[in-house]
Amino acid sequence: MSIETVLSNATVVLEDRLLPNSTVVVRDGVIAEISEGVSSIGEDLGGDYLIPGLVELHTDHLETHYSPRPGVRWNKTAAIQAHDAQIVTSGITTVFDCLRMGSDEDGGFQHGEMREMADAIQAAEKEDRLRAEHLIHLRCEVASENVLQHFEDFREDPHVRLVSLMDHSPGQRQFQTMEQYTLYYKTKRGLTDEQFARFVESRLAASSRYSAKHRDTLADICAARGITVASHDDATLAHVEEAKGHGVKLAEFPTSLDAADASHKAGMSVLMGAPNVVRGGSHSGNIAATDLAERGVLDVLSSDYIPLSLLHAPFVLADRYEHISLPQALSMVTATPARTVSLNDRGRIAVGLRADLVRVRRDYGVPVVRAVWRQGNRVA
C-alpha cells in the first residue's frame, strides 16, 4: 500500500523561487506532486516555509560530544545520538561527520579510534537510533607521519564520500602569519619560547617531509574510488593550482580573496563557515564569508561547530544582500552541497527526489524548525 503525506498552505522554497500558499505531496518517501494552491486535505503548515533538508558537508560537532573535555571520552553511541538530535532539530537531514586522520598539532586520536566511531555510527543506523543520514568526511592531516595508516582503516568503507587534504603547519594556509599560530598554539598551551620554537621546527619538518607525497597518494585513492576531494585553507594561487591537479571539487575555507576567486572560477564549490556569516567575521582572523558573498563566489556553507547556524546563515545573507535571494542563499546549504558530492537525489524540492523536508517559521531573527521529514518519515 502506498503511503501518502500532504503538506499544504506552505511557502515552498524551490531552487530558484518561492511558491507561497502551495502544496507538496509525498508518496513512499519521494516528492510526488508540487502545486500552487491550498489543499483541503493534509497538514496545514500555516504559511511556514517548506525547504529541502539541509546537507552538511563539514561539522566537527560529533567530536565535542565524544570528547567534551580534554582527556575525556564519552560513550560513542550516546555521543552519536546526542549529536544526531541536535543535527536533525537544526534542519539537517544529511550530515557528513568529520573524522580526523593522522596525529596533528592537537595530538589527534589514537589509531583505530575513528574506525571504532564509524562502526558505532553504522551500528546506530542499523538499530534505528538515528534520524539523519550519516556519511563520513575524513579530515586528513597530510603533514602527519601516520595519516595513511589511519586512512587504511577506511579504504573500503562505502560511507566515506568526502576526503579533505589539510596541512595546519605554521606560516601557511590557515596560519599564514606566526602571530596567528603563536596565539593558537603557544599562548593557549602556555608553552615557553624554547618549547614553542621546538614545536614549530618539528611541524615544519613534518610538513616538508610528508605533505606533498601524502596529498598525491590520497588524491589518487579518492580518484580511483570516486570519493569527492576537498582542499583546505588554500591561501595562494599556487595552492589552487595544486588543488586542481588533485581533482578537488570543494574548496574549504580559503583564507584569501585571490584563492577564493580562483577556486570558484575553476569550478570548485567554495565553502565557508555559517558561524562566520552569523558572526560577521572569522574567529581566526581570516577573510569573512560575507566578503565572498558580496563577490558572488560563496557556494556552500557548513555549520562547522554550531549546528543551527546552517539554517540561520542563509536568512542572514538574504536579509543583508539584495543580490542574494532566499532561494539562492538556501541553495548554499541544500542543492549545491548535494551536487558537489554527487548526491543528486536530494537537496531540492522537485518531483522524483527524496522527500527530505523541513518546516521553518521565521517571522524575524533566528528561524525556528517546526518539523523535519526524512524520506517522507517525520523525524522531528
Protein backbone atom coordinates (compact mmCIF):
# COMPACT_ATOMS: atom_id res chain seq x y z
CA MET A 1 0.00 0.00 0.00
CA SER A 2 1.28 3.45 -0.93
CA ILE A 3 1.97 5.85 1.95
CA GLU A 4 0.99 9.46 1.19
CA THR A 5 1.62 12.70 3.08
CA VAL A 6 0.12 16.05 2.03
CA LEU A 7 1.76 19.26 3.24
CA SER A 8 -0.34 22.28 2.35
CA ASN A 9 -0.53 26.05 2.81
CA ALA A 10 3.26 26.28 2.77
CA THR A 11 5.70 28.77 1.30
CA VAL A 12 7.57 26.20 -0.75
CA VAL A 13 11.21 27.13 -1.39
CA LEU A 14 12.32 25.89 -4.80
CA GLU A 15 15.88 26.28 -6.02
CA ASP A 16 15.05 29.45 -7.99
CA ARG A 17 11.87 30.89 -6.47
CA LEU A 18 9.28 30.88 -3.69
CA LEU A 19 5.83 29.35 -4.09
CA PRO A 20 3.54 30.85 -1.41
CA ASN A 21 0.29 29.10 -0.41
CA SER A 22 1.35 25.88 -2.10
CA THR A 23 1.13 22.12 -1.56
CA VAL A 24 3.64 19.26 -1.69
CA VAL A 25 2.50 15.64 -1.88
CA VAL A 26 4.86 12.88 -0.74
CA ARG A 27 4.37 9.22 -1.70
CA ASP A 28 6.54 6.39 -0.43
CA GLY A 29 9.33 8.73 0.64
CA VAL A 30 9.53 10.63 -2.66
CA ILE A 31 8.16 14.03 -3.71
CA ALA A 32 5.25 13.15 -6.00
CA GLU A 33 3.47 16.48 -6.63
CA ILE A 34 4.10 20.21 -6.21
CA SER A 35 1.17 22.51 -6.84
CA GLU A 36 0.22 26.09 -6.23
CA GLY A 37 -2.85 26.50 -4.07
CA VAL A 38 -4.04 25.15 -0.73
CA SER A 39 -5.33 21.60 -0.43
CA SER A 40 -8.44 20.74 1.57
CA ILE A 41 -6.68 17.67 2.98
CA GLY A 42 -3.39 17.03 4.70
CA GLU A 43 -1.36 19.06 7.18
CA ASP A 44 -1.79 22.84 7.13
CA LEU A 45 1.62 24.46 7.55
CA GLY A 46 0.14 27.88 8.23
CA GLY A 47 2.25 29.68 5.64
CA ASP A 48 5.55 28.47 7.10
CA TYR A 49 8.49 27.84 4.78
CA LEU A 50 8.91 24.31 3.45
CA ILE A 51 12.55 23.88 2.47
CA PRO A 52 14.73 20.94 1.43
CA GLY A 53 16.53 19.09 4.21
CA LEU A 54 19.92 20.69 4.80
CA VAL A 55 23.07 18.92 3.58
CA GLU A 56 26.02 19.37 5.97
CA LEU A 57 29.44 18.61 4.48
CA HIS A 58 31.74 19.68 7.31
CA THR A 59 30.94 19.51 11.00
CA ASP A 60 33.31 18.89 13.90
CA HIS A 61 30.31 18.74 16.21
CA LEU A 62 30.45 14.99 16.87
CA GLU A 63 33.90 15.44 18.43
CA THR A 64 32.51 17.82 21.07
CA HIS A 65 30.07 15.13 22.22
CA TYR A 66 32.64 12.32 22.14
CA SER A 67 35.44 14.31 23.77
CA PRO A 68 33.67 17.07 25.75
CA ARG A 69 36.75 17.82 27.88
CA PRO A 70 40.49 17.26 27.37
CA GLY A 71 41.24 13.60 28.02
CA VAL A 72 37.54 12.69 28.41
CA ARG A 73 35.92 10.10 26.11
CA TRP A 74 32.14 9.66 26.21
CA ASN A 75 30.22 6.53 25.30
CA LYS A 76 30.29 6.52 21.50
CA THR A 77 26.66 5.55 20.94
CA ALA A 78 25.44 8.16 23.43
CA ALA A 79 27.66 10.81 21.82
CA ILE A 80 26.35 9.95 18.35
CA GLN A 81 22.72 10.09 19.48
CA ALA A 82 23.21 13.49 21.14
CA HIS A 83 24.93 14.80 18.03
CA ASP A 84 22.18 13.40 15.77
CA ALA A 85 19.45 15.01 17.87
CA GLN A 86 20.99 18.48 17.51
CA ILE A 87 21.66 17.95 13.82
CA VAL A 88 18.08 16.98 12.96
CA THR A 89 16.42 19.67 15.06
CA SER A 90 18.60 22.18 13.18
CA GLY A 91 17.02 21.00 9.90
CA ILE A 92 19.94 18.85 8.73
CA THR A 93 18.83 15.57 7.15
CA THR A 94 22.17 14.56 5.58
CA VAL A 95 25.34 15.01 7.61
CA PHE A 96 28.95 14.24 6.81
CA ASP A 97 30.55 13.50 10.16
CA CYS A 98 34.17 14.64 10.22
CA LEU A 99 36.65 12.04 11.49
CA ARG A 100 40.30 13.00 11.92
CA MET A 101 43.02 11.03 10.20
CA GLY A 102 46.60 11.41 11.42
CA SER A 103 48.01 12.94 14.57
CA ASP A 104 48.18 16.70 14.23
CA GLU A 105 49.13 19.66 16.39
CA ASP A 106 46.35 18.78 18.83
CA GLY A 107 47.59 15.23 19.24
CA GLY A 108 44.66 13.70 17.35
CA PHE A 109 43.04 10.42 18.27
CA GLN A 110 44.65 7.02 18.66
CA HIS A 111 44.94 4.76 15.63
CA GLY A 112 41.71 2.79 15.36
CA GLU A 113 39.67 5.20 17.47
CA MET A 114 37.97 6.84 14.48
CA ARG A 115 37.31 3.43 12.93
CA GLU A 116 35.53 2.48 16.13
CA MET A 117 33.50 5.69 15.90
CA ALA A 118 32.49 4.93 12.31
CA ASP A 119 31.49 1.41 13.31
CA ALA A 120 29.38 2.86 16.14
CA ILE A 121 27.63 5.24 13.71
CA GLN A 122 26.80 2.40 11.35
CA ALA A 123 25.61 0.18 14.21
CA ALA A 124 23.38 3.01 15.46
CA GLU A 125 21.85 3.32 11.98
CA LYS A 126 21.11 -0.41 11.83
CA GLU A 127 19.48 -0.22 15.27
CA ASP A 128 17.28 2.69 14.08
CA ARG A 129 18.74 5.07 16.66
CA LEU A 130 19.41 7.93 14.22
CA ARG A 131 17.14 10.33 12.39
CA ALA A 132 19.54 12.00 9.92
CA GLU A 133 21.52 10.11 7.30
CA HIS A 134 25.16 9.97 8.42
CA LEU A 135 28.01 9.79 5.91
CA ILE A 136 31.73 10.17 6.55
CA HIS A 137 34.13 13.02 5.81
CA LEU A 138 37.75 12.07 6.52
CA ARG A 139 39.86 15.09 7.50
CA CYS A 140 43.36 14.01 6.55
CA GLU A 141 46.31 15.86 8.12
CA VAL A 142 48.76 15.29 5.27
CA ALA A 143 51.76 16.52 7.29
CA SER A 144 51.21 13.70 9.76
CA GLU A 145 53.52 10.69 9.58
CA ASN A 146 50.69 8.23 10.29
CA VAL A 147 47.84 9.68 8.19
CA LEU A 148 47.96 6.87 5.62
CA GLN A 149 47.93 4.27 8.38
CA HIS A 150 44.77 5.85 9.82
CA PHE A 151 43.21 6.18 6.36
CA GLU A 152 43.80 2.50 5.61
CA ASP A 153 41.07 1.62 8.13
CA PHE A 154 38.57 3.29 5.79
CA ARG A 155 39.89 2.28 2.39
CA GLU A 156 36.88 0.07 1.54
CA ASP A 157 34.17 1.86 3.56
CA PRO A 158 31.32 2.98 1.23
CA HIS A 159 30.18 5.56 3.81
CA VAL A 160 33.30 7.63 3.04
CA ARG A 161 32.09 10.15 0.45
CA LEU A 162 34.38 13.13 1.15
CA VAL A 163 38.10 13.49 1.97
CA SER A 164 39.79 16.79 2.79
CA LEU A 165 43.53 17.33 2.45
CA MET A 166 44.78 19.56 5.27
CA ASP A 167 48.09 20.92 6.47
CA HIS A 168 47.99 23.03 9.64
CA SER A 169 51.72 23.77 9.71
CA PRO A 170 52.81 27.32 10.65
CA GLY A 171 53.33 30.08 8.12
CA GLN A 172 50.83 28.88 5.52
CA ARG A 173 47.17 28.30 4.76
CA GLN A 174 45.11 28.83 7.96
CA PHE A 175 48.16 30.15 9.80
CA GLN A 176 49.70 32.50 7.26
CA THR A 177 51.31 34.60 9.97
CA MET A 178 53.24 33.42 13.01
CA GLU A 179 51.13 35.82 15.08
CA GLN A 180 48.07 33.63 14.42
CA TYR A 181 49.97 30.42 15.07
CA THR A 182 51.56 31.76 18.25
CA LEU A 183 48.17 32.73 19.68
CA TYR A 184 46.61 29.40 18.77
CA TYR A 185 49.37 27.10 19.97
CA LYS A 186 51.86 28.94 22.20
CA THR A 187 49.61 31.23 24.18
CA LYS A 188 46.69 28.81 24.60
CA ARG A 189 49.00 25.94 25.57
CA GLY A 190 51.21 28.02 27.82
CA LEU A 191 54.43 26.98 26.04
CA THR A 192 57.75 28.67 26.80
CA ASP A 193 59.66 30.34 23.97
CA GLU A 194 62.01 27.37 23.79
CA GLN A 195 59.20 24.80 23.79
CA PHE A 196 57.31 26.71 21.10
CA ALA A 197 60.41 27.02 18.92
CA ARG A 198 60.92 23.24 19.06
CA PHE A 199 57.24 22.69 18.33
CA VAL A 200 57.33 24.93 15.24
CA GLU A 201 60.54 23.32 13.98
CA SER A 202 59.00 19.86 14.34
CA ARG A 203 55.81 20.80 12.47
CA LEU A 204 57.68 22.45 9.61
CA ALA A 205 59.96 19.43 9.23
CA ALA A 206 56.98 17.06 9.14
CA SER A 207 55.21 19.18 6.52
CA SER A 208 58.31 19.27 4.33
CA ARG A 209 58.79 15.53 4.60
CA TYR A 210 55.24 14.19 4.27
CA SER A 211 52.76 16.75 2.95
CA ALA A 212 53.27 16.53 -0.82
CA LYS A 213 53.54 12.76 -1.08
CA HIS A 214 50.55 12.19 1.21
CA ARG A 215 48.42 14.61 -0.81
CA ASP A 216 49.29 12.78 -4.02
CA THR A 217 48.62 9.33 -2.55
CA LEU A 218 45.28 10.25 -1.00
CA ALA A 219 44.09 12.09 -4.12
CA ASP A 220 44.92 9.05 -6.26
CA ILE A 221 42.99 6.70 -3.94
CA CYS A 222 39.96 9.01 -3.95
CA ALA A 223 40.00 9.33 -7.74
CA ALA A 224 40.03 5.55 -8.09
CA ARG A 225 37.11 5.15 -5.66
CA GLY A 226 35.01 8.11 -6.82
CA ILE A 227 35.34 9.97 -3.50
CA THR A 228 34.98 13.75 -3.60
CA VAL A 229 38.20 15.55 -2.63
CA ALA A 230 38.33 18.85 -0.75
CA SER A 231 41.23 21.24 -0.33
CA HIS A 232 41.52 23.08 2.97
CA ASP A 233 42.57 26.62 3.84
CA ASP A 234 44.02 27.45 0.41
CA ALA A 235 45.75 30.82 0.57
CA THR A 236 47.59 31.28 -2.73
CA LEU A 237 47.09 30.75 -6.44
CA ALA A 238 49.71 28.00 -6.23
CA HIS A 239 47.54 26.21 -3.68
CA VAL A 240 44.58 26.43 -6.06
CA GLU A 241 46.62 25.06 -8.95
CA GLU A 242 47.71 22.19 -6.72
CA ALA A 243 44.07 21.54 -5.83
CA LYS A 244 43.08 21.46 -9.50
CA GLY A 245 45.78 18.87 -10.10
CA HIS A 246 44.31 16.69 -7.38
CA GLY A 247 40.79 16.86 -8.84
CA VAL A 248 39.41 18.91 -5.94
CA LYS A 249 35.69 19.75 -6.17
CA LEU A 250 35.29 21.51 -2.82
CA ALA A 251 37.49 24.39 -1.61
CA GLU A 252 37.03 24.52 2.17
CA PHE A 253 37.68 27.79 4.00
CA PRO A 254 40.02 29.60 1.57
CA THR A 255 41.99 32.16 3.55
CA SER A 256 42.47 34.80 0.85
CA LEU A 257 40.21 36.51 -1.68
CA ASP A 258 42.56 35.52 -4.50
CA ALA A 259 42.31 31.84 -3.58
CA ALA A 260 38.52 32.01 -3.24
CA ASP A 261 38.11 33.79 -6.59
CA ALA A 262 40.42 31.33 -8.38
CA SER A 263 38.75 28.28 -6.82
CA HIS A 264 35.29 29.47 -7.83
CA LYS A 265 36.49 30.30 -11.36
CA ALA A 266 37.98 26.81 -11.63
CA GLY A 267 34.57 25.27 -10.93
CA MET A 268 35.18 24.25 -7.33
CA SER A 269 32.43 24.87 -4.79
CA VAL A 270 33.80 27.39 -2.30
CA LEU A 271 32.79 26.52 1.27
CA MET A 272 32.85 28.82 4.27
CA GLY A 273 31.52 28.53 7.79
CA ALA A 274 27.94 29.51 8.57
CA PRO A 275 29.08 30.79 12.01
CA ASN A 276 31.35 33.18 10.08
CA VAL A 277 28.25 34.59 8.35
CA VAL A 278 26.21 34.86 11.55
CA ARG A 279 29.07 36.48 13.50
CA GLY A 280 30.08 38.73 10.60
CA GLY A 281 33.68 37.52 10.51
CA SER A 282 36.16 34.71 11.04
CA HIS A 283 37.07 33.68 14.59
CA SER A 284 40.67 33.12 13.42
CA GLY A 285 41.09 36.50 11.70
CA ASN A 286 40.97 35.23 8.10
CA ILE A 287 38.64 36.53 5.39
CA ALA A 288 34.94 36.83 6.14
CA ALA A 289 32.37 34.64 4.41
CA THR A 290 30.35 37.78 3.74
CA ASP A 291 33.26 39.17 1.68
CA LEU A 292 32.88 36.17 -0.62
CA ALA A 293 29.10 36.51 -0.68
CA GLU A 294 29.45 40.12 -1.86
CA ARG A 295 31.77 38.95 -4.68
CA GLY A 296 29.43 36.15 -5.73
CA VAL A 297 31.97 33.40 -5.01
CA LEU A 298 30.40 31.80 -1.94
CA ASP A 299 28.82 28.48 -2.93
CA VAL A 300 28.45 26.29 0.18
CA LEU A 301 28.07 26.86 3.91
CA SER A 302 28.91 24.45 6.72
CA SER A 303 27.80 24.63 10.34
CA ASP A 304 31.37 23.74 11.44
CA TYR A 305 30.81 23.92 15.22
CA ILE A 306 27.25 25.37 15.62
CA PRO A 307 24.59 23.14 14.01
CA LEU A 308 21.76 25.71 13.93
CA SER A 309 24.00 28.21 12.13
CA LEU A 310 23.48 26.22 8.91
CA LEU A 311 19.83 27.28 8.87
CA HIS A 312 20.37 30.73 10.38
CA ALA A 313 23.08 31.94 7.98
CA PRO A 314 21.06 31.80 4.71
CA PHE A 315 18.43 34.09 6.21
CA VAL A 316 21.17 36.48 7.31
CA LEU A 317 22.57 36.56 3.76
CA ALA A 318 19.14 37.09 2.18
CA ASP A 319 18.40 39.92 4.63
CA ARG A 320 21.75 41.60 4.10
CA TYR A 321 22.28 41.45 0.32
CA GLU A 322 19.81 42.49 -2.36
CA HIS A 323 21.55 40.31 -4.96
CA ILE A 324 21.09 37.13 -2.85
CA SER A 325 17.53 35.85 -2.71
CA LEU A 326 16.37 33.44 -0.02
CA PRO A 327 16.22 30.53 -2.51
CA GLN A 328 19.79 31.31 -3.62
CA ALA A 329 21.02 31.50 -0.04
CA LEU A 330 19.29 28.24 0.94
CA SER A 331 20.84 26.53 -2.10
CA MET A 332 24.20 27.01 -0.36
CA VAL A 333 23.06 24.54 2.30
CA THR A 334 20.92 22.23 0.17
CA ALA A 335 21.26 21.87 -3.62
CA THR A 336 24.88 22.95 -4.11
CA PRO A 337 26.48 20.82 -1.37
CA ALA A 338 24.40 17.83 -2.54
CA ARG A 339 25.60 18.25 -6.14
CA THR A 340 29.20 18.80 -5.07
CA VAL A 341 29.36 15.32 -3.52
CA SER A 342 27.17 13.73 -6.23
CA LEU A 343 24.11 13.22 -4.03
CA ASN A 344 21.74 14.07 -6.85
CA ASP A 345 18.67 12.54 -5.22
CA ARG A 346 18.25 15.30 -2.63
CA GLY A 347 18.82 18.99 -1.83
CA ARG A 348 15.88 20.32 -3.84
CA ILE A 349 12.11 20.23 -3.70
CA ALA A 350 11.41 18.62 -7.06
CA VAL A 351 9.24 15.76 -8.25
CA GLY A 352 11.06 12.44 -8.05
CA LEU A 353 13.60 13.47 -5.40
CA ARG A 354 13.80 12.25 -1.81
CA ALA A 355 11.25 13.83 0.49
CA ASP A 356 13.82 15.32 2.87
CA LEU A 357 11.88 18.38 4.02
CA VAL A 358 11.93 20.95 6.81
CA ARG A 359 9.14 23.19 8.06
CA VAL A 360 10.59 26.53 9.17
CA ARG A 361 8.96 29.54 10.78
CA ARG A 362 10.81 32.80 10.64
CA ASP A 363 8.94 35.99 11.43
CA TYR A 364 12.17 37.76 12.44
CA GLY A 365 15.57 36.91 13.92
CA VAL A 366 16.62 33.29 14.31
CA PRO A 367 14.49 30.81 12.32
CA VAL A 368 12.67 28.01 14.15
CA VAL A 369 12.49 24.41 12.93
CA ARG A 370 8.93 23.17 13.45
CA ALA A 371 9.08 19.77 11.73
CA VAL A 372 11.52 17.58 9.79
CA TRP A 373 10.84 14.73 7.37
CA ARG A 374 13.50 12.37 6.04
CA GLN A 375 12.43 10.28 3.06
CA GLY A 376 8.86 11.11 3.93
CA ASN A 377 9.07 9.95 7.53
CA ARG A 378 8.64 12.61 10.20
CA VAL A 379 11.76 12.54 12.39
CA ALA A 380 11.30 15.78 14.37
